[in-house]
């Protein structure tokens, strides 16, 4: 019986660790997508400003 309790305790501990790692990966992906969208929006504004000036950067 003691071995079963130890096994369940260890299993739940690793399950909790796995859930925490998955949550961190999801948060990191969400932050990465937001940063990328922000960067793309800034690049689009700069491109629009460059074409409005009439300057070409090729």
C-alpha atoms as a PDB file:
ATOM      1  CA  UNK A   1       0.000   0.000   0.000  1.00  0.00           C
ATOM      2  CA  UNK A   2       2.864   2.357   0.795  1.00  0.00           C
ATOM      3  CA  UNK A   3       4.328   1.830  -2.668  1.00  0.00           C
ATOM      4  CA  UNK A   4       1.022   2.780  -4.279  1.00  0.00           C
ATOM      5  CA  UNK A   5       0.815   5.974  -2.241  1.00  0.00           C
ATOM      6  CA  UNK A   6       4.379   6.874  -3.190  1.00  0.00           C
ATOM      7  CA  UNK A   7       3.641   6.165  -6.849  1.00  0.00           C
ATOM      8  CA  UNK A   8       0.480   8.298  -6.853  1.00  0.00           C
ATOM      9  CA  UNK A   9       2.300  11.100  -5.046  1.00  0.00           C
ATOM     10  CA  UNK A  10       5.131  11.032  -7.574  1.00  0.00           C
ATOM     11  CA  UNK A  11       2.707  10.821 -10.504  1.00  0.00           C
ATOM     12  CA  UNK A  12       0.686  13.811  -9.302  1.00  0.00           C
ATOM     13  CA  UNK A  13       3.865  15.778  -8.701  1.00  0.00           C
ATOM     14  CA  UNK A  14       5.073  15.188 -12.261  1.00  0.00           C
ATOM     15  CA  UNK A  15       1.578  15.875 -13.617  1.00  0.00           C
ATOM     16  CA  UNK A  16       1.533  19.249 -11.851  1.00  0.00           C
ATOM     17  CA  UNK A  17       4.977  20.057 -13.222  1.00  0.00           C
ATOM     18  CA  UNK A  18       3.830  19.125 -16.738  1.00  0.00           C
ATOM     19  CA  UNK A  19       0.748  21.331 -16.435  1.00  0.00           C
ATOM     20  CA  UNK A  20       2.888  24.274 -15.287  1.00  0.00           C
ATOM     21  CA  UNK A  21       5.290  23.836 -18.197  1.00  0.00           C
ATOM     22  CA  UNK A  22       2.410  23.651 -20.687  1.00  0.00           C
ATOM     23  CA  UNK A  23       0.901  26.816 -19.190  1.00  0.00           C
ATOM     24  CA  UNK A  24       4.242  28.629 -19.535  1.00  0.00           C
ATOM     25  CA  UNK A  25       4.548  27.544 -23.169  1.00  0.00           C
ATOM     26  CA  UNK A  26       1.042  28.804 -23.933  1.00  0.00           C
ATOM     27  CA  UNK A  27       1.743  32.162 -22.259  1.00  0.00           C
ATOM     28  CA  UNK A  28       5.035  32.478 -24.134  1.00  0.00           C
ATOM     29  CA  UNK A  29       3.306  31.781 -27.464  1.00  0.00           C
ATOM     30  CA  UNK A  30       0.619  34.376 -26.760  1.00  0.00           C
ATOM     31  CA  UNK A  31       3.234  36.994 -25.847  1.00  0.00           C
ATOM     32  CA  UNK A  32       5.271  36.129 -28.945  1.00  0.00           C
ATOM     33  CA  UNK A  33       2.274  36.535 -31.231  1.00  0.00           C
ATOM     34  CA  UNK A  34       1.412  39.912 -29.663  1.00  0.00           C
ATOM     35  CA  UNK A  35       4.987  41.147 -30.053  1.00  0.00           C
ATOM     36  CA  UNK A  36       5.112  39.987 -33.667  1.00  0.00           C
ATOM     37  CA  UNK A  37       1.825  41.702 -34.508  1.00  0.00           C
ATOM     38  CA  UNK A  38       3.097  44.882 -32.853  1.00  0.00           C
ATOM     39  CA  UNK A  39       6.327  44.727 -34.860  1.00  0.00           C
ATOM     40  CA  UNK A  40       4.436  44.132 -38.103  1.00  0.00           C
ATOM     41  CA  UNK A  41       2.114  47.060 -37.345  1.00  0.00           C
ATOM     42  CA  UNK A  42       5.083  49.373 -36.712  1.00  0.00           C
ATOM     43  CA  UNK A  43       6.743  48.211 -39.933  1.00  0.00           C
ATOM     44  CA  UNK A  44       3.532  48.853 -41.873  1.00  0.00           C
ATOM     45  CA  UNK A  45       3.280  52.378 -40.430  1.00  0.00           C
ATOM     46  CA  UNK A  46       6.905  53.091 -41.316  1.00  0.00           C
ATOM     47  CA  UNK A  47       6.371  51.751 -44.831  1.00  0.00           C
ATOM     48  CA  UNK A  48       3.258  53.877 -45.221  1.00  0.00           C
ATOM     49  CA  UNK A  49       5.145  56.952 -43.951  1.00  0.00           C
ATOM     50  CA  UNK A  50       8.011  56.284 -46.373  1.00  0.00           C
ATOM     51  CA  UNK A  51       5.699  56.001 -49.367  1.00  0.00           C
ATOM     52  CA  UNK A  52       3.824  59.169 -48.319  1.00  0.00           C
ATOM     53  CA  UNK A  53       7.123  61.107 -48.331  1.00  0.00           C
ATOM     54  CA  UNK A  54       7.851  59.937 -51.828  1.00  0.00           C
ATOM     55  CA  UNK A  55      11.180  58.498 -50.799  1.00  0.00           C
ATOM     56  CA  UNK A  56      12.080  55.049 -51.994  1.00  0.00           C
ATOM     57  CA  UNK A  57      14.309  52.682 -50.113  1.00  0.00           C
ATOM     58  CA  UNK A  58      15.211  49.836 -52.363  1.00  0.00           C
END
